[in-house]
Amino acid sequence: MKLATLRSCREISALVLAREDRVLSFPERLAIRLHFLMCEACPRFEKQVLTMRQAMNNWRHYRGDDSDEPK
């Protein structure tokens, strides 16, 4: 297990994406928080991932007016 040392942007972006599939360990969550304090790009990447997740969730639950189901 890798301790919460300073990690590269590549490693942090991998953790941000992994968080979509699994619960991160405490050292992984801490590494993300520490990295976000020093990096401007990675928090933006996280925001983009969250935006994509919300958009996909909205798309999955979208029901258009042209549906064949009765209202």
N, C-alpha and C. Protein backbone atom coordinates (compact mmCIF):
# COMPACT_ATOMS: atom_id res chain seq x y z
N MET A 1 0.85 -1.18 0.00
CA MET A 1 0.00 0.00 0.00
C MET A 1 0.89 1.24 0.00
N LYS A 2 0.60 2.15 -0.88
CA LYS A 2 1.37 3.38 -0.99
C LYS A 2 0.84 4.40 0.00
N LEU A 3 1.74 4.96 0.78
CA LEU A 3 1.34 5.96 1.76
C LEU A 3 0.94 7.25 1.07
N ALA A 4 0.38 8.17 1.85
CA ALA A 4 -0.11 9.44 1.31
C ALA A 4 1.06 10.39 1.06
N THR A 5 1.96 9.98 0.20
CA THR A 5 3.07 10.84 -0.19
C THR A 5 2.62 11.66 -1.40
N LEU A 6 3.45 12.60 -1.79
CA LEU A 6 3.11 13.40 -2.95
C LEU A 6 3.09 12.52 -4.19
N ARG A 7 2.02 12.57 -4.88
CA ARG A 7 1.84 11.74 -6.07
C ARG A 7 1.75 12.63 -7.30
N SER A 8 2.00 12.03 -8.43
CA SER A 8 1.95 12.77 -9.69
C SER A 8 0.49 13.00 -10.10
N CYS A 9 0.32 13.92 -11.04
CA CYS A 9 -1.02 14.19 -11.57
C CYS A 9 -1.60 12.93 -12.23
N ARG A 10 -0.76 12.16 -12.86
CA ARG A 10 -1.21 10.91 -13.50
C ARG A 10 -1.77 9.95 -12.46
N GLU A 11 -1.08 9.82 -11.34
CA GLU A 11 -1.55 8.92 -10.28
C GLU A 11 -2.84 9.44 -9.65
N ILE A 12 -2.91 10.74 -9.45
CA ILE A 12 -4.12 11.32 -8.85
C ILE A 12 -5.32 11.19 -9.78
N SER A 13 -5.11 11.42 -11.06
CA SER A 13 -6.23 11.27 -12.00
C SER A 13 -6.70 9.82 -12.05
N ALA A 14 -5.78 8.88 -11.92
CA ALA A 14 -6.16 7.46 -11.87
C ALA A 14 -6.99 7.17 -10.61
N LEU A 15 -6.63 7.79 -9.49
CA LEU A 15 -7.41 7.61 -8.26
C LEU A 15 -8.79 8.24 -8.38
N VAL A 16 -8.86 9.41 -9.00
CA VAL A 16 -10.16 10.07 -9.19
C VAL A 16 -11.07 9.17 -10.03
N LEU A 17 -10.53 8.56 -11.05
CA LEU A 17 -11.32 7.65 -11.88
C LEU A 17 -11.64 6.36 -11.14
N ALA A 18 -10.70 5.84 -10.34
CA ALA A 18 -10.93 4.61 -9.59
C ALA A 18 -12.04 4.80 -8.56
N ARG A 19 -12.18 6.03 -8.07
CA ARG A 19 -13.21 6.33 -7.08
C ARG A 19 -14.61 6.12 -7.66
N GLU A 20 -14.73 6.13 -8.97
CA GLU A 20 -16.03 5.86 -9.60
C GLU A 20 -16.42 4.38 -9.46
N ASP A 21 -15.42 3.51 -9.29
CA ASP A 21 -15.67 2.07 -9.27
C ASP A 21 -15.55 1.43 -7.90
N ARG A 22 -14.82 2.07 -7.00
CA ARG A 22 -14.59 1.45 -5.70
C ARG A 22 -14.39 2.53 -4.64
N VAL A 23 -14.47 2.10 -3.39
CA VAL A 23 -14.22 3.00 -2.27
C VAL A 23 -12.71 3.07 -2.07
N LEU A 24 -12.19 4.29 -2.03
CA LEU A 24 -10.76 4.47 -1.86
C LEU A 24 -10.38 4.32 -0.39
N SER A 25 -9.16 3.86 -0.17
CA SER A 25 -8.65 3.75 1.20
C SER A 25 -8.36 5.14 1.75
N PHE A 26 -8.18 5.22 3.06
CA PHE A 26 -7.87 6.50 3.68
C PHE A 26 -6.60 7.12 3.10
N PRO A 27 -5.49 6.37 2.96
CA PRO A 27 -4.29 6.98 2.37
C PRO A 27 -4.50 7.49 0.94
N GLU A 28 -5.33 6.82 0.17
CA GLU A 28 -5.63 7.28 -1.19
C GLU A 28 -6.43 8.57 -1.16
N ARG A 29 -7.42 8.65 -0.29
CA ARG A 29 -8.22 9.87 -0.17
C ARG A 29 -7.36 11.04 0.32
N LEU A 30 -6.47 10.75 1.26
CA LEU A 30 -5.58 11.78 1.78
C LEU A 30 -4.62 12.26 0.70
N ALA A 31 -4.11 11.35 -0.11
CA ALA A 31 -3.21 11.72 -1.20
C ALA A 31 -3.91 12.67 -2.18
N ILE A 32 -5.17 12.39 -2.48
CA ILE A 32 -5.93 13.27 -3.38
C ILE A 32 -6.07 14.66 -2.76
N ARG A 33 -6.45 14.72 -1.51
CA ARG A 33 -6.64 16.02 -0.85
C ARG A 33 -5.35 16.82 -0.81
N LEU A 34 -4.24 16.17 -0.46
CA LEU A 34 -2.95 16.87 -0.41
C LEU A 34 -2.55 17.38 -1.79
N HIS A 35 -2.76 16.56 -2.79
CA HIS A 35 -2.40 16.95 -4.16
C HIS A 35 -3.25 18.13 -4.62
N PHE A 36 -4.54 18.11 -4.30
CA PHE A 36 -5.44 19.18 -4.71
C PHE A 36 -5.03 20.53 -4.12
N LEU A 37 -4.36 20.51 -2.98
CA LEU A 37 -3.91 21.77 -2.37
C LEU A 37 -2.83 22.45 -3.18
N MET A 38 -2.08 21.66 -3.97
CA MET A 38 -0.94 22.20 -4.71
C MET A 38 -1.16 22.28 -6.22
N CYS A 39 -2.19 21.65 -6.71
CA CYS A 39 -2.38 21.53 -8.16
C CYS A 39 -3.69 22.19 -8.56
N GLU A 40 -3.65 22.93 -9.66
CA GLU A 40 -4.88 23.56 -10.16
C GLU A 40 -5.61 22.67 -11.16
N ALA A 41 -4.87 21.85 -11.89
CA ALA A 41 -5.47 21.06 -12.97
C ALA A 41 -6.27 19.87 -12.46
N CYS A 42 -5.79 19.20 -11.45
CA CYS A 42 -6.47 17.98 -10.98
C CYS A 42 -7.85 18.24 -10.39
N PRO A 43 -8.04 19.30 -9.62
CA PRO A 43 -9.42 19.58 -9.17
C PRO A 43 -10.36 19.87 -10.34
N ARG A 44 -9.84 20.51 -11.39
CA ARG A 44 -10.67 20.74 -12.59
C ARG A 44 -11.03 19.41 -13.24
N PHE A 45 -10.06 18.49 -13.28
CA PHE A 45 -10.32 17.17 -13.85
C PHE A 45 -11.40 16.46 -13.04
N GLU A 46 -11.31 16.54 -11.71
CA GLU A 46 -12.32 15.92 -10.86
C GLU A 46 -13.70 16.51 -11.15
N LYS A 47 -13.76 17.83 -11.31
CA LYS A 47 -15.04 18.48 -11.61
C LYS A 47 -15.60 18.00 -12.95
N GLN A 48 -14.72 17.80 -13.94
CA GLN A 48 -15.16 17.30 -15.23
C GLN A 48 -15.70 15.88 -15.11
N VAL A 49 -15.05 15.05 -14.31
CA VAL A 49 -15.51 13.68 -14.10
C VAL A 49 -16.89 13.69 -13.44
N LEU A 50 -17.05 14.54 -12.43
CA LEU A 50 -18.34 14.63 -11.76
C LEU A 50 -19.43 15.14 -12.70
N THR A 51 -19.08 16.09 -13.57
CA THR A 51 -20.04 16.60 -14.56
C THR A 51 -20.45 15.49 -15.52
N MET A 52 -19.47 14.71 -15.97
CA MET A 52 -19.80 13.59 -16.88
C MET A 52 -20.67 12.56 -16.19
N ARG A 53 -20.38 12.28 -14.91
CA ARG A 53 -21.20 11.30 -14.17
C ARG A 53 -22.63 11.80 -14.07
N GLN A 54 -22.81 13.09 -13.74
CA GLN A 54 -24.15 13.65 -13.63
C GLN A 54 -24.87 13.64 -14.97
N ALA A 55 -24.17 13.97 -16.05
CA ALA A 55 -24.77 13.96 -17.38
C ALA A 55 -25.21 12.55 -17.77
N MET A 56 -24.38 11.56 -17.47
CA MET A 56 -24.75 10.17 -17.80
C MET A 56 -25.94 9.73 -16.96
N ASN A 57 -25.98 10.15 -15.70
CA ASN A 57 -27.11 9.81 -14.85
C ASN A 57 -28.39 10.44 -15.38
N ASN A 58 -28.29 11.70 -15.80
CA ASN A 58 -29.46 12.36 -16.39
C ASN A 58 -29.90 11.67 -17.68
N TRP A 59 -28.95 11.26 -18.49
CA TRP A 59 -29.26 10.59 -19.75
C TRP A 59 -29.95 9.25 -19.50
N ARG A 60 -29.48 8.52 -18.50
CA ARG A 60 -30.09 7.23 -18.18
C ARG A 60 -31.54 7.38 -17.75
N HIS A 61 -31.86 8.48 -17.10
CA HIS A 61 -33.21 8.69 -16.58
C HIS A 61 -34.05 9.62 -17.46
N TYR A 62 -33.54 9.94 -18.64
CA TYR A 62 -34.26 10.84 -19.53
C TYR A 62 -35.47 10.13 -20.12
N ARG A 63 -36.55 10.86 -20.17
CA ARG A 63 -37.77 10.33 -20.80
C ARG A 63 -38.28 11.43 -21.72
N GLY A 64 -38.11 11.24 -22.99
CA GLY A 64 -38.51 12.24 -23.96
C GLY A 64 -40.00 12.28 -24.16
N ASP A 65 -40.48 13.34 -24.80
CA ASP A 65 -41.91 13.49 -25.07
C ASP A 65 -42.42 12.50 -26.09
N ASP A 66 -41.52 11.93 -26.88
CA ASP A 66 -41.95 10.99 -27.93
C ASP A 66 -41.95 9.55 -27.46
N SER A 67 -41.98 9.33 -26.15
CA SER A 67 -41.98 7.95 -25.65
C SER A 67 -43.33 7.29 -25.95
N ASP A 68 -43.31 5.97 -26.09
CA ASP A 68 -44.52 5.21 -26.39
C ASP A 68 -45.34 4.90 -25.14
N GLU A 69 -44.76 5.18 -23.97
CA GLU A 69 -45.46 4.88 -22.73
C GLU A 69 -46.53 5.93 -22.45
N PRO A 70 -47.66 5.51 -21.92
CA PRO A 70 -48.70 6.49 -21.58
C PRO A 70 -48.24 7.37 -20.43
N LYS A 71 -48.73 8.60 -20.44
CA LYS A 71 -48.35 9.56 -19.39
C LYS A 71 -49.23 9.47 -18.20
